N, C-alpha and C. Protein backbone atom coordinates (compact mmCIF):
# COMPACT_ATOMS: atom_id res chain seq x y z
N UNK A 1 -24.01 7.38 -38.26
CA UNK A 1 -23.41 8.58 -38.84
C UNK A 1 -22.06 8.82 -38.16
N UNK A 2 -21.07 9.28 -38.91
CA UNK A 2 -19.75 9.49 -38.31
C UNK A 2 -19.73 10.50 -37.16
N UNK A 3 -20.67 11.43 -37.13
CA UNK A 3 -20.72 12.41 -36.05
C UNK A 3 -21.10 11.78 -34.71
N UNK A 4 -21.76 10.64 -34.74
CA UNK A 4 -22.11 9.95 -33.50
C UNK A 4 -20.88 9.60 -32.69
N UNK A 5 -19.77 9.35 -33.37
CA UNK A 5 -18.53 8.93 -32.71
C UNK A 5 -17.84 10.06 -31.95
N UNK A 6 -18.19 11.30 -32.26
CA UNK A 6 -17.56 12.45 -31.58
C UNK A 6 -18.55 13.30 -30.79
N UNK A 7 -19.82 12.91 -30.81
CA UNK A 7 -20.85 13.76 -30.20
C UNK A 7 -20.61 14.00 -28.71
N UNK A 8 -20.26 12.97 -27.95
CA UNK A 8 -20.07 13.18 -26.50
C UNK A 8 -18.92 14.15 -26.24
N UNK A 9 -17.86 14.05 -27.03
CA UNK A 9 -16.73 14.97 -26.90
C UNK A 9 -17.16 16.40 -27.24
N UNK A 10 -17.95 16.54 -28.29
CA UNK A 10 -18.43 17.87 -28.69
C UNK A 10 -19.38 18.46 -27.64
N UNK A 11 -20.25 17.63 -27.10
CA UNK A 11 -21.19 18.11 -26.06
C UNK A 11 -20.42 18.63 -24.85
N UNK A 12 -19.37 17.92 -24.46
CA UNK A 12 -18.56 18.36 -23.32
C UNK A 12 -17.95 19.72 -23.58
N UNK A 13 -17.65 20.02 -24.85
CA UNK A 13 -17.09 21.31 -25.22
C UNK A 13 -18.15 22.37 -25.50
N UNK A 14 -19.43 22.03 -25.31
CA UNK A 14 -20.50 23.00 -25.49
C UNK A 14 -21.10 23.08 -26.88
N UNK A 15 -20.71 22.17 -27.78
CA UNK A 15 -21.24 22.21 -29.15
C UNK A 15 -22.69 21.71 -29.20
N UNK A 16 -23.46 22.33 -30.06
CA UNK A 16 -24.84 21.96 -30.29
C UNK A 16 -24.95 21.08 -31.51
N UNK A 17 -26.04 20.32 -31.61
CA UNK A 17 -26.30 19.58 -32.84
C UNK A 17 -27.47 20.25 -33.58
N UNK A 18 -27.79 19.75 -34.75
CA UNK A 18 -28.80 20.40 -35.58
C UNK A 18 -30.18 20.44 -34.90
N UNK A 19 -30.51 19.47 -34.08
CA UNK A 19 -31.80 19.48 -33.37
C UNK A 19 -31.87 20.62 -32.37
N UNK A 20 -30.74 20.90 -31.71
CA UNK A 20 -30.70 21.96 -30.70
C UNK A 20 -31.04 23.33 -31.28
N UNK A 21 -30.76 23.54 -32.55
CA UNK A 21 -30.95 24.86 -33.16
C UNK A 21 -32.41 25.26 -33.22
N UNK A 22 -33.32 24.28 -33.24
CA UNK A 22 -34.75 24.57 -33.31
C UNK A 22 -35.24 25.35 -32.09
N UNK A 23 -34.51 25.27 -30.98
CA UNK A 23 -34.93 25.90 -29.73
C UNK A 23 -34.29 27.28 -29.50
N UNK A 24 -33.49 27.74 -30.46
CA UNK A 24 -32.81 29.03 -30.29
C UNK A 24 -33.61 30.15 -30.96
N UNK A 25 -33.50 31.34 -30.39
CA UNK A 25 -34.25 32.49 -30.90
C UNK A 25 -33.51 33.22 -32.02
N UNK A 26 -32.18 33.24 -31.94
CA UNK A 26 -31.37 33.99 -32.89
C UNK A 26 -30.52 34.99 -32.14
N UNK A 27 -29.30 35.17 -32.61
CA UNK A 27 -28.38 36.09 -31.97
C UNK A 27 -27.41 35.43 -31.01
N UNK A 28 -27.63 34.16 -30.69
CA UNK A 28 -26.76 33.45 -29.76
C UNK A 28 -25.41 33.13 -30.39
N UNK A 29 -24.37 33.12 -29.57
CA UNK A 29 -23.04 32.67 -29.99
C UNK A 29 -23.00 31.17 -29.72
N UNK A 30 -22.76 30.36 -30.76
CA UNK A 30 -22.83 28.91 -30.60
C UNK A 30 -21.63 28.24 -31.27
N UNK A 31 -21.50 26.95 -31.00
CA UNK A 31 -20.52 26.09 -31.66
C UNK A 31 -21.27 24.90 -32.22
N UNK A 32 -20.99 24.58 -33.49
CA UNK A 32 -21.58 23.42 -34.16
C UNK A 32 -20.49 22.71 -34.94
N UNK A 33 -20.74 21.47 -35.26
CA UNK A 33 -19.79 20.72 -36.07
C UNK A 33 -20.52 19.75 -36.96
N UNK A 34 -19.86 19.36 -38.05
CA UNK A 34 -20.48 18.38 -38.92
C UNK A 34 -19.63 18.03 -40.12
N UNK A 35 -20.17 17.10 -40.87
CA UNK A 35 -19.59 16.64 -42.12
C UNK A 35 -19.98 17.63 -43.21
N UNK A 36 -19.01 18.14 -43.94
CA UNK A 36 -19.32 19.09 -45.03
C UNK A 36 -19.85 18.29 -46.22
N UNK A 37 -21.12 18.50 -46.54
CA UNK A 37 -21.70 17.80 -47.68
C UNK A 37 -21.71 18.66 -48.94
N UNK A 38 -21.80 19.97 -48.76
CA UNK A 38 -21.78 20.88 -49.91
C UNK A 38 -21.00 22.14 -49.55
N UNK A 39 -20.17 22.59 -50.49
CA UNK A 39 -19.50 23.90 -50.40
C UNK A 39 -19.93 24.68 -51.62
N UNK A 40 -20.39 25.92 -51.38
CA UNK A 40 -20.80 26.76 -52.50
C UNK A 40 -20.12 28.12 -52.39
N UNK A 41 -19.74 28.63 -53.54
CA UNK A 41 -19.16 29.98 -53.61
C UNK A 41 -19.77 30.66 -54.84
N UNK A 42 -21.02 31.13 -54.70
CA UNK A 42 -21.70 31.73 -55.85
C UNK A 42 -20.99 33.00 -56.33
N UNK A 43 -21.03 33.22 -57.62
CA UNK A 43 -20.42 34.41 -58.21
C UNK A 43 -21.01 35.69 -57.59
N UNK A 44 -22.27 35.65 -57.25
CA UNK A 44 -22.97 36.83 -56.75
C UNK A 44 -22.75 37.07 -55.25
N UNK A 45 -21.98 36.20 -54.58
CA UNK A 45 -21.82 36.30 -53.13
C UNK A 45 -20.57 37.07 -52.71
N UNK A 46 -19.86 37.67 -53.66
CA UNK A 46 -18.69 38.50 -53.35
C UNK A 46 -17.64 37.79 -52.49
N UNK A 47 -17.40 36.50 -52.77
CA UNK A 47 -16.35 35.77 -52.06
C UNK A 47 -16.81 35.02 -50.83
N UNK A 48 -18.06 35.17 -50.44
CA UNK A 48 -18.60 34.42 -49.30
C UNK A 48 -18.75 32.96 -49.69
N UNK A 49 -18.45 32.07 -48.76
CA UNK A 49 -18.62 30.63 -48.98
C UNK A 49 -19.76 30.15 -48.08
N UNK A 50 -20.57 29.25 -48.61
CA UNK A 50 -21.65 28.64 -47.86
C UNK A 50 -21.35 27.16 -47.71
N UNK A 51 -21.39 26.67 -46.48
CA UNK A 51 -21.17 25.26 -46.20
C UNK A 51 -22.48 24.65 -45.73
N UNK A 52 -22.75 23.44 -46.16
CA UNK A 52 -23.86 22.68 -45.61
C UNK A 52 -23.24 21.55 -44.80
N UNK A 53 -23.41 21.63 -43.48
CA UNK A 53 -22.89 20.60 -42.59
C UNK A 53 -24.00 19.60 -42.30
N UNK A 54 -23.63 18.34 -42.21
CA UNK A 54 -24.57 17.29 -41.85
C UNK A 54 -24.11 16.67 -40.54
N UNK A 55 -25.05 16.47 -39.62
CA UNK A 55 -24.73 15.70 -38.42
C UNK A 55 -25.71 14.53 -38.35
N UNK A 56 -25.72 13.83 -37.24
CA UNK A 56 -26.54 12.62 -37.13
C UNK A 56 -28.04 12.90 -37.08
N UNK A 57 -28.43 14.17 -37.00
CA UNK A 57 -29.84 14.52 -36.88
C UNK A 57 -30.37 15.36 -38.03
N UNK A 58 -29.49 16.00 -38.80
CA UNK A 58 -29.96 16.86 -39.87
C UNK A 58 -28.85 17.72 -40.44
N UNK A 59 -29.22 18.91 -40.88
CA UNK A 59 -28.30 19.79 -41.59
C UNK A 59 -28.18 21.14 -40.91
N UNK A 60 -27.03 21.79 -41.13
CA UNK A 60 -26.76 23.11 -40.58
C UNK A 60 -26.13 23.96 -41.69
N UNK A 61 -26.76 25.10 -41.98
CA UNK A 61 -26.21 26.04 -42.96
C UNK A 61 -25.18 26.93 -42.27
N UNK A 62 -24.01 27.04 -42.87
CA UNK A 62 -22.95 27.89 -42.32
C UNK A 62 -22.52 28.90 -43.37
N UNK A 63 -22.44 30.15 -42.96
CA UNK A 63 -21.97 31.23 -43.82
C UNK A 63 -20.54 31.56 -43.41
N UNK A 64 -19.62 31.55 -44.38
CA UNK A 64 -18.23 31.95 -44.14
C UNK A 64 -18.05 33.31 -44.80
N UNK A 65 -18.05 34.39 -44.01
CA UNK A 65 -17.92 35.73 -44.59
C UNK A 65 -16.63 35.86 -45.42
N UNK A 66 -16.70 36.61 -46.49
CA UNK A 66 -15.59 36.69 -47.44
C UNK A 66 -14.27 37.05 -46.78
N UNK A 67 -14.28 37.92 -45.76
CA UNK A 67 -13.02 38.32 -45.13
C UNK A 67 -12.41 37.21 -44.27
N UNK A 68 -13.17 36.14 -44.01
CA UNK A 68 -12.65 35.02 -43.21
C UNK A 68 -12.27 33.82 -44.07
N UNK A 69 -12.54 33.89 -45.37
CA UNK A 69 -12.24 32.75 -46.24
C UNK A 69 -10.74 32.50 -46.31
N UNK A 70 -9.95 33.47 -46.69
CA UNK A 70 -8.50 33.25 -46.86
C UNK A 70 -7.79 32.88 -45.55
N UNK A 71 -8.07 33.56 -44.43
CA UNK A 71 -7.40 33.16 -43.19
C UNK A 71 -7.75 31.74 -42.74
N UNK A 72 -8.87 31.20 -43.23
CA UNK A 72 -9.33 29.87 -42.85
C UNK A 72 -9.41 28.94 -44.06
N UNK A 73 -8.65 29.27 -45.08
CA UNK A 73 -8.72 28.62 -46.38
C UNK A 73 -8.68 27.09 -46.32
N UNK A 74 -7.70 26.53 -45.63
CA UNK A 74 -7.53 25.07 -45.60
C UNK A 74 -8.75 24.38 -45.01
N UNK A 75 -9.30 24.96 -43.96
CA UNK A 75 -10.45 24.34 -43.30
C UNK A 75 -11.71 24.52 -44.12
N UNK A 76 -12.06 25.74 -44.49
CA UNK A 76 -13.34 25.98 -45.15
C UNK A 76 -13.40 25.45 -46.58
N UNK A 77 -12.26 25.29 -47.20
CA UNK A 77 -12.26 24.78 -48.58
C UNK A 77 -11.99 23.29 -48.69
N UNK A 78 -11.34 22.70 -47.68
CA UNK A 78 -10.89 21.32 -47.88
C UNK A 78 -11.22 20.33 -46.77
N UNK A 79 -11.44 20.77 -45.55
CA UNK A 79 -11.65 19.84 -44.44
C UNK A 79 -12.96 19.07 -44.61
N UNK A 80 -12.95 17.76 -44.42
CA UNK A 80 -14.19 16.99 -44.55
C UNK A 80 -15.16 17.22 -43.38
N UNK A 81 -14.63 17.48 -42.19
CA UNK A 81 -15.44 17.75 -41.01
C UNK A 81 -14.99 19.10 -40.44
N UNK A 82 -15.94 19.94 -40.08
CA UNK A 82 -15.61 21.29 -39.63
C UNK A 82 -16.34 21.60 -38.32
N UNK A 83 -15.61 22.27 -37.43
CA UNK A 83 -16.17 22.79 -36.19
C UNK A 83 -16.24 24.30 -36.36
N UNK A 84 -17.41 24.89 -36.10
CA UNK A 84 -17.64 26.32 -36.36
C UNK A 84 -18.14 27.00 -35.10
N UNK A 85 -17.52 28.11 -34.76
CA UNK A 85 -18.04 29.00 -33.72
C UNK A 85 -18.58 30.21 -34.44
N UNK A 86 -19.80 30.61 -34.09
CA UNK A 86 -20.37 31.76 -34.77
C UNK A 86 -21.69 32.19 -34.17
N UNK A 87 -22.32 33.11 -34.87
CA UNK A 87 -23.59 33.68 -34.41
C UNK A 87 -24.75 32.97 -35.11
N UNK A 88 -25.70 32.51 -34.31
CA UNK A 88 -26.88 31.85 -34.84
C UNK A 88 -27.86 32.90 -35.33
N UNK A 89 -28.39 32.70 -36.55
CA UNK A 89 -29.38 33.63 -37.12
C UNK A 89 -30.63 32.86 -37.50
N UNK A 90 -31.76 33.47 -37.22
CA UNK A 90 -33.05 32.88 -37.59
C UNK A 90 -33.89 33.94 -38.30
N UNK A 91 -34.45 33.56 -39.44
CA UNK A 91 -35.40 34.39 -40.16
C UNK A 91 -36.57 33.48 -40.51
N UNK A 92 -37.53 33.39 -39.61
CA UNK A 92 -38.63 32.44 -39.79
C UNK A 92 -38.10 31.03 -39.66
N UNK A 93 -38.30 30.23 -40.68
CA UNK A 93 -37.81 28.85 -40.68
C UNK A 93 -36.38 28.72 -41.19
N UNK A 94 -35.85 29.81 -41.76
CA UNK A 94 -34.49 29.78 -42.31
C UNK A 94 -33.50 30.04 -41.17
N UNK A 95 -32.58 29.09 -40.99
CA UNK A 95 -31.59 29.24 -39.94
C UNK A 95 -30.18 29.11 -40.52
N UNK A 96 -29.26 29.92 -39.98
CA UNK A 96 -27.86 29.92 -40.42
C UNK A 96 -26.96 30.15 -39.23
N UNK A 97 -25.74 29.70 -39.38
CA UNK A 97 -24.68 30.06 -38.45
C UNK A 97 -23.68 30.89 -39.24
N UNK A 98 -23.48 32.14 -38.83
CA UNK A 98 -22.49 32.99 -39.47
C UNK A 98 -21.19 32.75 -38.72
N UNK A 99 -20.27 32.05 -39.36
CA UNK A 99 -19.05 31.62 -38.70
C UNK A 99 -18.08 32.74 -38.40
N UNK A 100 -17.37 32.59 -37.28
CA UNK A 100 -16.30 33.51 -36.90
C UNK A 100 -14.99 32.77 -36.75
N UNK A 101 -15.06 31.53 -36.26
CA UNK A 101 -13.86 30.70 -36.10
C UNK A 101 -14.15 29.33 -36.69
N UNK A 102 -13.14 28.78 -37.36
CA UNK A 102 -13.31 27.51 -38.07
C UNK A 102 -12.13 26.61 -37.74
N UNK A 103 -12.44 25.35 -37.48
CA UNK A 103 -11.39 24.40 -37.16
C UNK A 103 -11.75 23.05 -37.77
N UNK A 104 -10.75 22.34 -38.24
CA UNK A 104 -11.02 20.99 -38.73
C UNK A 104 -11.37 20.11 -37.55
N UNK A 105 -12.40 19.31 -37.72
CA UNK A 105 -12.84 18.39 -36.69
C UNK A 105 -12.28 17.01 -37.02
N UNK A 106 -11.56 16.43 -36.09
CA UNK A 106 -10.97 15.11 -36.31
C UNK A 106 -12.00 14.03 -36.01
N UNK A 107 -12.32 13.26 -37.03
CA UNK A 107 -13.27 12.16 -36.94
C UNK A 107 -12.62 10.97 -37.61
N UNK A 108 -13.07 9.78 -37.25
CA UNK A 108 -12.52 8.58 -37.90
C UNK A 108 -12.45 8.77 -39.41
N UNK A 109 -11.44 8.17 -39.98
CA UNK A 109 -11.25 8.27 -41.43
C UNK A 109 -12.52 7.83 -42.15
N UNK A 110 -12.89 8.59 -43.16
CA UNK A 110 -14.13 8.36 -43.87
C UNK A 110 -13.87 8.53 -45.36
N UNK A 111 -14.47 7.67 -46.16
CA UNK A 111 -14.38 7.84 -47.60
C UNK A 111 -15.57 8.68 -48.03
N UNK A 112 -15.31 9.97 -48.15
CA UNK A 112 -16.38 10.91 -48.50
C UNK A 112 -15.75 12.15 -49.11
N UNK A 113 -16.41 12.71 -50.08
CA UNK A 113 -16.02 14.01 -50.57
C UNK A 113 -17.27 14.87 -50.72
N UNK A 114 -17.14 16.13 -50.42
CA UNK A 114 -18.26 17.05 -50.56
C UNK A 114 -18.42 17.42 -52.04
N UNK A 115 -19.56 17.95 -52.37
CA UNK A 115 -19.78 18.49 -53.70
C UNK A 115 -19.36 19.95 -53.63
N UNK A 116 -18.21 20.27 -54.22
CA UNK A 116 -17.60 21.59 -54.06
C UNK A 116 -17.76 22.43 -55.31
N UNK A 117 -17.66 23.74 -55.13
CA UNK A 117 -17.62 24.66 -56.24
C UNK A 117 -16.35 24.42 -57.03
N UNK A 118 -16.37 24.79 -58.29
CA UNK A 118 -15.17 24.62 -59.14
C UNK A 118 -14.75 25.94 -59.72
């Protein structure tokens, strides 16, 4: 997986992977990164964007609050790999990261496109 190539660098910076999230209670401020496999912007979400990140171990749901979409437009709408700082949320088995800061993650060039909203 392309994330394997940057994992040691991310770990040094304190980033967690999808396996690490299973051990969190909820409410923690965390950093995660991954390949954007799906971007969704449902009509009923009032401008909120949902990203599905994939790493070498699984998937991470990321919520981009509507007020942060435009200031982070290039990253949340177009970057193939994203690094997210945000609050971890758990509701039973459902887990999300509500993003606060977004940055494009530089990974080796990859031929991939996410399935994006239109």
